[in-house]
Each structure stands twice: as C-alpha cells, then as structure tokens.
PDB file of N, CA and C in Angstrom:
ATOM      1  N   VAL A   1       0.736  -1.713  -0.504  1.00  0.00           N
ATOM      2  CA  VAL A   1      -0.100  -0.055  -0.068  1.00  0.00           C
ATOM      3  C   VAL A   1       1.192   0.971   0.301  1.00  0.00           C
ATOM      4  N   ARG A   2       0.679   2.107  -1.337  1.00  0.00           N
ATOM      5  CA  ARG A   2       1.226   3.542  -0.606  1.00  0.00           C
ATOM      6  C   ARG A   2       0.463   4.115  -0.680  1.00  0.00           C
ATOM      7  N   ARG A   3      -0.572   4.350  -1.172  1.00  0.00           N
ATOM      8  CA  ARG A   3      -1.650   6.067  -1.697  1.00  0.00           C
ATOM      9  C   ARG A   3      -3.081   5.145  -0.413  1.00  0.00           C
ATOM     10  N   GLY A   4      -3.364   6.538  -0.598  1.00  0.00           N
ATOM     11  CA  GLY A   4      -4.834   6.512   0.401  1.00  0.00           C
ATOM     12  C   GLY A   4      -5.718   5.831  -0.699  1.00  0.00           C
ATOM     13  N   THR A   5      -5.785   5.558  -1.985  1.00  0.00           N
ATOM     14  CA  THR A   5      -6.389   5.256  -2.891  1.00  0.00           C
ATOM     15  C   THR A   5      -6.206   3.235  -3.020  1.00  0.00           C
ATOM     16  N   ASP A   6      -5.511   3.000  -2.169  1.00  0.00           N
ATOM     17  CA  ASP A   6      -4.847   2.012  -2.480  1.00  0.00           C
ATOM     18  C   ASP A   6      -5.497   1.353  -1.108  1.00  0.00           C
ATOM     19  N   VAL A   7      -5.531   1.327  -0.150  1.00  0.00           N
ATOM     20  CA  VAL A   7      -6.160   1.523   0.935  1.00  0.00           C
ATOM     21  C   VAL A   7      -7.813   0.903   0.347  1.00  0.00           C
ATOM     22  N   PHE A   8      -8.542   2.222   0.067  1.00  0.00           N
ATOM     23  CA  PHE A   8      -9.529   1.697  -0.407  1.00  0.00           C
ATOM     24  C   PHE A   8      -9.785   0.801  -0.750  1.00  0.00           C
ATOM     25  N   LYS A   9      -9.211   0.456  -2.336  1.00  0.00           N
ATOM     26  CA  LYS A   9      -9.467  -0.463  -2.636  1.00  0.00           C
ATOM     27  C   LYS A   9      -8.986  -2.243  -2.237  1.00  0.00           C
ATOM     28  N   ALA A  10      -8.325  -1.702  -1.282  1.00  0.00           N
ATOM     29  CA  ALA A  10      -7.754  -3.235  -0.657  1.00  0.00           C
ATOM     30  C   ALA A  10      -9.183  -3.819   0.453  1.00  0.00           C
ATOM     31  N   LEU A  11     -10.052  -2.734   1.064  1.00  0.00           N
ATOM     32  CA  LEU A  11     -11.135  -2.332   1.555  1.00  0.00           C
ATOM     33  C   LEU A  11     -11.856  -3.020   0.676  1.00  0.00           C
ATOM     34  N   ALA A  12     -13.031  -2.414  -0.499  1.00  0.00           N
ATOM     35  CA  ALA A  12     -13.563  -2.481  -1.407  1.00  0.00           C
ATOM     36  C   ALA A  12     -13.234  -4.135  -1.854  1.00  0.00           C
ATOM     37  N   LEU A  13     -12.593  -4.672  -2.070  1.00  0.00           N
ATOM     38  CA  LEU A  13     -12.213  -5.989  -2.388  1.00  0.00           C
ATOM     39  C   LEU A  13     -12.168  -7.263  -1.060  1.00  0.00           C
ATOM     40  N   GLY A  14     -12.608  -6.407  -0.103  1.00  0.00           N
ATOM     41  CA  GLY A  14     -12.736  -7.441   0.977  1.00  0.00           C
ATOM     42  C   GLY A  14     -11.461  -7.757   2.114  1.00  0.00           C
ATOM     43  N   ALA A  15     -10.146  -6.898   1.982  1.00  0.00           N
ATOM     44  CA  ALA A  15      -9.281  -6.867   3.503  1.00  0.00           C
ATOM     45  C   ALA A  15     -10.131  -6.425   4.569  1.00  0.00           C
ATOM     46  N   SER A  16      -9.335  -6.814   5.713  1.00  0.00           N
ATOM     47  CA  SER A  16      -9.882  -6.502   6.634  1.00  0.00           C
ATOM     48  C   SER A  16      -8.787  -5.942   7.507  1.00  0.00           C
ATOM     49  N   GLY A  17      -7.715  -5.567   6.508  1.00  0.00           N
ATOM     50  CA  GLY A  17      -6.435  -4.955   7.506  1.00  0.00           C
ATOM     51  C   GLY A  17      -5.226  -4.586   6.151  1.00  0.00           C
ATOM     52  N   ILE A  18      -4.582  -3.799   6.068  1.00  0.00           N
ATOM     53  CA  ILE A  18      -3.846  -3.578   5.154  1.00  0.00           C
ATOM     54  C   ILE A  18      -2.379  -3.253   6.199  1.00  0.00           C
ATOM     55  N   PHE A  19      -1.375  -3.782   5.052  1.00  0.00           N
ATOM     56  CA  PHE A  19       0.376  -2.728   5.956  1.00  0.00           C
ATOM     57  C   PHE A  19       0.880  -2.053   5.160  1.00  0.00           C
ATOM     58  N   ILE A  20       1.092  -0.728   5.729  1.00  0.00           N
ATOM     59  CA  ILE A  20       2.125  -0.025   5.335  1.00  0.00           C
ATOM     60  C   ILE A  20       3.546   0.019   5.234  1.00  0.00           C
ATOM     61  N   GLY A  21       4.187  -0.778   4.221  1.00  0.00           N
ATOM     62  CA  GLY A  21       5.896  -0.794   4.284  1.00  0.00           C
ATOM     63  C   GLY A  21       6.530   0.368   4.036  1.00  0.00           C
ATOM     64  N   ARG A  22       6.940   0.376   2.871  1.00  0.00           N
ATOM     65  CA  ARG A  22       8.036   1.186   1.787  1.00  0.00           C
ATOM     66  C   ARG A  22       7.830   2.680   2.809  1.00  0.00           C
ATOM     67  N   PRO A  23       6.178   3.673   2.174  1.00  0.00           N
ATOM     68  CA  PRO A  23       6.162   4.788   2.550  1.00  0.00           C
ATOM     69  C   PRO A  23       6.676   4.926   3.817  1.00  0.00           C
ATOM     70  N   VAL A  24       6.046   4.139   4.869  1.00  0.00           N
ATOM     71  CA  VAL A  24       6.787   4.589   6.129  1.00  0.00           C
ATOM     72  C   VAL A  24       8.532   4.359   6.143  1.00  0.00           C
ATOM     73  N   VAL A  25       9.214   3.394   6.085  1.00  0.00           N
ATOM     74  CA  VAL A  25      10.339   3.297   5.946  1.00  0.00           C
ATOM     75  C   VAL A  25      11.160   4.604   5.603  1.00  0.00           C
ATOM     76  N   PHE A  26      10.775   4.922   3.830  1.00  0.00           N
ATOM     77  CA  PHE A  26      11.329   5.950   3.583  1.00  0.00           C
ATOM     78  C   PHE A  26      11.330   7.185   4.203  1.00  0.00           C
ATOM     79  N   SER A  27      10.017   7.305   4.653  1.00  0.00           N
ATOM     80  CA  SER A  27       9.947   9.070   5.298  1.00  0.00           C
ATOM     81  C   SER A  27      10.527   8.686   6.770  1.00  0.00           C
ATOM     82  N   LEU A  28      10.909   7.626   7.358  1.00  0.00           N
ATOM     83  CA  LEU A  28      11.558   7.392   9.072  1.00  0.00           C
ATOM     84  C   LEU A  28      13.213   7.575   8.298  1.00  0.00           C
ATOM     85  N   ALA A  29      13.722   6.829   6.946  1.00  0.00           N
ATOM     86  CA  ALA A  29      15.155   7.313   6.916  1.00  0.00           C
ATOM     87  C   ALA A  29      15.435   8.820   7.025  1.00  0.00           C
ATOM     88  N   ALA A  30      14.167   9.349   6.331  1.00  0.00           N
ATOM     89  CA  ALA A  30      14.786  10.612   5.193  1.00  0.00           C
ATOM     90  C   ALA A  30      14.633  12.082   7.058  1.00  0.00           C
ATOM     91  N   GLU A  31      13.199  11.426   7.206  1.00  0.00           N
ATOM     92  CA  GLU A  31      12.500  12.541   8.499  1.00  0.00           C
ATOM     93  C   GLU A  31      12.553  12.158  10.020  1.00  0.00           C
ATOM     94  N   GLY A  32      12.507  10.732  10.125  1.00  0.00           N
ATOM     95  CA  GLY A  32      12.798  10.394  11.159  1.00  0.00           C
ATOM     96  C   GLY A  32      11.101  10.065  11.643  1.00  0.00           C
ATOM     97  N   GLU A  33      10.926  10.288  12.814  1.00  0.00           N
ATOM     98  CA  GLU A  33       9.145  10.381  13.564  1.00  0.00           C
ATOM     99  C   GLU A  33       8.613  11.392  12.700  1.00  0.00           C
ATOM    100  N   ALA A  34       8.991  12.396  12.817  1.00  0.00           N
ATOM    101  CA  ALA A  34       7.885  13.581  11.761  1.00  0.00           C
ATOM    102  C   ALA A  34       7.593  13.224  10.347  1.00  0.00           C
ATOM    103  N   GLY A  35       8.689  12.539   9.895  1.00  0.00           N
ATOM    104  CA  GLY A  35       8.769  12.161   8.873  1.00  0.00           C
ATOM    105  C   GLY A  35       7.306  11.190   8.501  1.00  0.00           C
ATOM    106  N   VAL A  36       7.534  10.146   9.422  1.00  0.00           N
ATOM    107  CA  VAL A  36       6.454   9.041   9.422  1.00  0.00           C
ATOM    108  C   VAL A  36       4.724   9.710   9.549  1.00  0.00           C
ATOM    109  N   ARG A  37       5.221  10.669  10.556  1.00  0.00           N
ATOM    110  CA  ARG A  37       3.735  11.351  11.108  1.00  0.00           C
ATOM    111  C   ARG A  37       3.141  11.741   9.753  1.00  0.00           C
ATOM    112  N   LYS A  38       3.963  12.382   9.100  1.00  0.00           N
ATOM    113  CA  LYS A  38       3.687  12.958   7.684  1.00  0.00           C
ATOM    114  C   LYS A  38       2.884  12.387   6.766  1.00  0.00           C
ATOM    115  N   VAL A  39       3.637  10.868   6.100  1.00  0.00           N
ATOM    116  CA  VAL A  39       3.155  10.232   5.638  1.00  0.00           C
ATOM    117  C   VAL A  39       1.811  10.025   5.774  1.00  0.00           C
ATOM    118  N   LEU A  40       1.434   9.262   7.155  1.00  0.00           N
ATOM    119  CA  LEU A  40       0.550   8.426   7.348  1.00  0.00           C
ATOM    120  C   LEU A  40      -0.863   9.356   7.439  1.00  0.00           C
ATOM    121  N   GLN A  41      -0.247  10.626   7.813  1.00  0.00           N
ATOM    122  CA  GLN A  41      -1.242  12.027   7.511  1.00  0.00           C
ATOM    123  C   GLN A  41      -2.173  12.051   6.560  1.00  0.00           C
ATOM    124  N   MET A  42      -0.962  11.823   5.476  1.00  0.00           N
ATOM    125  CA  MET A  42      -1.276  12.008   4.447  1.00  0.00           C
ATOM    126  C   MET A  42      -2.038  10.764   3.444  1.00  0.00           C
ATOM    127  N   LEU A  43      -1.361   9.738   3.909  1.00  0.00           N
ATOM    128  CA  LEU A  43      -2.226   8.435   3.657  1.00  0.00           C
ATOM    129  C   LEU A  43      -3.829   8.913   4.142  1.00  0.00           C
ATOM    130  N   ARG A  44      -3.896   9.260   5.402  1.00  0.00           N
ATOM    131  CA  ARG A  44      -5.228   9.101   5.806  1.00  0.00           C
ATOM    132  C   ARG A  44      -5.876  10.585   5.085  1.00  0.00           C
ATOM    133  N   ASP A  45      -5.657  10.903   4.977  1.00  0.00           N
ATOM    134  CA  ASP A  45      -6.102  12.440   3.887  1.00  0.00           C
ATOM    135  C   ASP A  45      -6.347  11.502   2.124  1.00  0.00           C
ATOM    136  N   GLU A  46      -5.793  11.396   1.863  1.00  0.00           N
ATOM    137  CA  GLU A  46      -6.328  10.294   0.583  1.00  0.00           C
ATOM    138  C   GLU A  46      -7.118  10.103   0.527  1.00  0.00           C
ATOM    139  N   PHE A  47      -7.363   8.927   1.834  1.00  0.00           N
ATOM    140  CA  PHE A  47      -8.151   7.980   2.304  1.00  0.00           C
ATOM    141  C   PHE A  47      -9.079   8.514   2.492  1.00  0.00           C
ATOM    142  N   GLU A  48      -9.293   9.281   3.032  1.00  0.00           N
ATOM    143  CA  GLU A  48     -10.573  10.414   3.770  1.00  0.00           C
ATOM    144  C   GLU A  48     -11.047  10.899   1.903  1.00  0.00           C
ATOM    145  N   LEU A  49     -10.382  11.656   0.875  1.00  0.00           N
ATOM    146  CA  LEU A  49     -11.007  11.869   0.020  1.00  0.00           C
ATOM    147  C   LEU A  49     -11.469  10.902  -1.026  1.00  0.00           C
ATOM    148  N   THR A  50     -11.070  10.132  -1.047  1.00  0.00           N
ATOM    149  CA  THR A  50     -11.832   9.127  -1.623  1.00  0.00           C
ATOM    150  C   THR A  50     -12.937   8.139  -1.300  1.00  0.00           C
ATOM    151  N   MET A  51     -12.907   8.275   0.193  1.00  0.00           N
ATOM    152  CA  MET A  51     -14.133   7.692   0.856  1.00  0.00           C
ATOM    153  C   MET A  51     -15.626   9.100   0.386  1.00  0.00           C
ATOM    154  N   ALA A  52     -15.060  10.181   0.341  1.00  0.00           N
ATOM    155  CA  ALA A  52     -15.894  11.280  -0.008  1.00  0.00           C
ATOM    156  C   ALA A  52     -15.824  11.138  -1.083  1.00  0.00           C
ATOM    157  N   LEU A  53     -15.232  11.605  -2.391  1.00  0.00           N
ATOM    158  CA  LEU A  53     -14.995  10.807  -3.670  1.00  0.00           C
ATOM    159  C   LEU A  53     -16.546   9.798  -3.961  1.00  0.00           C
ATOM    160  N   SER A  54     -16.188   8.998  -3.276  1.00  0.00           N
ATOM    161  CA  SER A  54     -17.208   7.615  -3.714  1.00  0.00           C
ATOM    162  C   SER A  54     -18.236   7.328  -2.673  1.00  0.00           C
ATOM    163  N   GLY A  55     -18.593   8.620  -1.677  1.00  0.00           N
ATOM    164  CA  GLY A  55     -20.305   8.825  -1.193  1.00  0.00           C
ATOM    165  C   GLY A  55     -19.887   7.986   0.115  1.00  0.00           C
ATOM    166  N   CYS A  56     -18.985   7.397   0.059  1.00  0.00           N
ATOM    167  CA  CYS A  56     -18.619   6.530   1.303  1.00  0.00           C
ATOM    168  C   CYS A  56     -18.559   7.324   2.630  1.00  0.00           C
ATOM    169  N   ARG A  57     -19.548   7.123   3.814  1.00  0.00           N
ATOM    170  CA  ARG A  57     -19.259   8.220   4.638  1.00  0.00           C
ATOM    171  C   ARG A  57     -19.059   7.412   6.056  1.00  0.00           C
ATOM    172  N   SER A  58     -18.984   5.534   6.073  1.00  0.00           N
ATOM    173  CA  SER A  58     -18.142   5.464   7.056  1.00  0.00           C
ATOM    174  C   SER A  58     -17.740   4.066   6.100  1.00  0.00           C
ATOM    175  N   LEU A  59     -16.692   3.404   7.065  1.00  0.00           N
ATOM    176  CA  LEU A  59     -15.868   1.924   6.246  1.00  0.00           C
ATOM    177  C   LEU A  59     -16.915   1.133   5.882  1.00  0.00           C
ATOM    178  N   LYS A  60     -18.151   0.780   6.807  1.00  0.00           N
ATOM    179  CA  LYS A  60     -19.137  -0.307   6.469  1.00  0.00           C
ATOM    180  C   LYS A  60     -19.834  -0.135   4.852  1.00  0.00           C
ATOM    181  N   GLU A  61     -19.573   1.097   4.643  1.00  0.00           N
ATOM    182  CA  GLU A  61     -20.181   1.586   3.096  1.00  0.00           C
ATOM    183  C   GLU A  61     -19.371   1.221   2.113  1.00  0.00           C
ATOM    184  N   ILE A  62     -18.012   1.252   2.080  1.00  0.00           N
ATOM    185  CA  ILE A  62     -16.979   0.820   1.581  1.00  0.00           C
ATOM    186  C   ILE A  62     -17.808  -0.805   0.642  1.00  0.00           C
ATOM    187  N   SER A  63     -18.106  -0.263  -0.689  1.00  0.00           N
ATOM    188  CA  SER A  63     -17.967  -2.600  -1.446  1.00  0.00           C
ATOM    189  C   SER A  63     -17.323  -2.442  -2.233  1.00  0.00           C
ATOM    190  N   ARG A  64     -17.509  -3.546  -2.750  1.00  0.00           N
ATOM    191  CA  ARG A  64     -16.927  -4.293  -4.085  1.00  0.00           C
ATOM    192  C   ARG A  64     -17.823  -3.336  -5.524  1.00  0.00           C
ATOM    193  N   ASN A  65     -18.623  -2.708  -5.410  1.00  0.00           N
ATOM    194  CA  ASN A  65     -19.309  -1.871  -5.798  1.00  0.00           C
ATOM    195  C   ASN A  65     -18.722  -1.102  -6.695  1.00  0.00           C
ATOM    196  N   HIS A  66     -17.679   0.135  -5.416  1.00  0.00           N
ATOM    197  CA  HIS A  66     -17.104   1.255  -5.875  1.00  0.00           C
ATOM    198  C   HIS A  66     -15.682   0.599  -7.017  1.00  0.00           C
ATOM    199  N   ILE A  67     -15.552  -0.216  -6.938  1.00  0.00           N
ATOM    200  CA  ILE A  67     -14.435  -0.315  -7.712  1.00  0.00           C
ATOM    201  C   ILE A  67     -14.642  -0.918  -8.877  1.00  0.00           C
ATOM    202  N   THR A  68     -14.029  -0.721 -10.533  1.00  0.00           N
ATOM    203  CA  THR A  68     -14.357  -1.941 -11.840  1.00  0.00           C
ATOM    204  C   THR A  68     -12.385  -2.379 -11.794  1.00  0.00           C
ATOM    205  N   THR A  69     -12.284  -3.597 -12.180  1.00  0.00           N
ATOM    206  CA  THR A  69     -10.900  -4.452 -12.432  1.00  0.00           C
ATOM    207  C   THR A  69     -10.949  -4.253 -13.782  1.00  0.00           C
ATOM    208  N   GLU A  70      -9.742  -4.986 -14.153  1.00  0.00           N
ATOM    209  CA  GLU A  70      -9.839  -5.441 -15.457  1.00  0.00           C
ATOM    210  C   GLU A  70     -10.915  -6.914 -15.819  1.00  0.00           C
ATOM    211  N   TRP A  71     -11.066  -7.843 -14.466  1.00  0.00           N
ATOM    212  CA  TRP A  71     -12.111  -9.073 -14.695  1.00  0.00           C
ATOM    213  C   TRP A  71     -13.629  -8.055 -14.946  1.00  0.00           C
ATOM    214  N   ASP A  72     -13.773  -7.067 -14.463  1.00  0.00           N
ATOM    215  CA  ASP A  72     -15.170  -6.315 -14.705  1.00  0.00           C
ATOM    216  C   ASP A  72     -15.326  -5.971 -16.042  1.00  0.00           C
ATOM    217  N   THR A  73     -14.365  -5.661 -17.068  1.00  0.00           N
ATOM    218  CA  THR A  73     -14.478  -5.027 -18.295  1.00  0.00           C
ATOM    219  C   THR A  73     -15.323  -6.018 -19.229  1.00  0.00           C
ATOM    220  N   PRO A  74     -16.392  -5.773 -19.755  1.00  0.00           N
ATOM    221  CA  PRO A  74     -16.829  -7.164 -21.152  1.00  0.00           C
ATOM    222  C   PRO A  74     -15.322  -6.852 -22.237  1.00  0.00           C
ATOM    223  N   ARG A  75     -15.019  -7.865 -22.383  1.00  0.00           N
ATOM    224  CA  ARG A  75     -14.007  -8.370 -23.340  1.00  0.00           C
ATOM    225  C   ARG A  75     -14.572  -8.289 -24.834  1.00  0.00           C
ATOM    226  N   PRO A  76     -14.218  -8.447 -25.717  1.00  0.00           N
ATOM    227  CA  PRO A  76     -14.877  -9.301 -27.232  1.00  0.00           C
ATOM    228  C   PRO A  76     -14.845 -10.546 -27.734  1.00  0.00           C
ATOM    229  N   SER A  77     -15.777 -11.250 -27.796  1.00  0.00           N
ATOM    230  CA  SER A  77     -15.689 -12.192 -28.392  1.00  0.00           C
ATOM    231  C   SER A  77     -14.785 -13.123 -29.272  1.00  0.00           C
ATOM    232  N   ALA A  78     -14.219 -13.598 -29.475  1.00  0.00           N
ATOM    233  CA  ALA A  78     -13.312 -14.165 -30.554  1.00  0.00           C
ATOM    234  C   ALA A  78     -14.451 -15.336 -31.547  1.00  0.00           C
ATOM    235  N   ARG A  79     -14.240 -14.331 -32.517  1.00  0.00           N
ATOM    236  CA  ARG A  79     -14.775 -14.837 -33.527  1.00  0.00           C
ATOM    237  C   ARG A  79     -14.118 -15.971 -34.748  1.00  0.00           C
ATOM    238  N   LEU A  80     -15.079 -17.189 -34.967  1.00  0.00           N
ATOM    239  CA  LEU A  80     -14.046 -18.171 -35.958  1.00  0.00           C
ATOM    240  C   LEU A  80     -14.179 -18.167 -37.027  1.00  0.00           C
TER     241      LEU A  80
END
C-alpha cells in the first residue's frame, strides 16, 4: 500500500486490514518520526478524500461496487 486509494481498493475487495511498508520506512529514513507522522497523515487524507468522492461516510459503506477491475470489463468474443 502506497496511497490512500490503495487502502480504499483493498477494503472494497474485502480486506480486513492493510500493511504500510515502503512509505513509512522511506519517510523514517528521510525525516525520522516527523516524516512517519507526515506520511501517515497524507495516507489518511487521501483515503478520506477517496471515501468522500465515492460517497462513503463509513468503512461499512465501502463495497466491491465502488471499484472496477480488468475482470469486470467485458471483452470482445473471438470470432471463428
């Protein structure tokens, strides 16, 4: 997970939790604790914006209907 939208997509696909690795480690190395706080706040802000744009007021409202994957897109049939 690198962005707030990734958190939203994971929850919409049924995840009960997420792990944040690289952004936290990079910000810790660059700016210490303040950097980690900053990146976590940024992820939260992006996630809250994504929820607002999708019309979700709570985590319970996030569902599979909010995302589209390659598997959801109809593909043309092969003609023989």
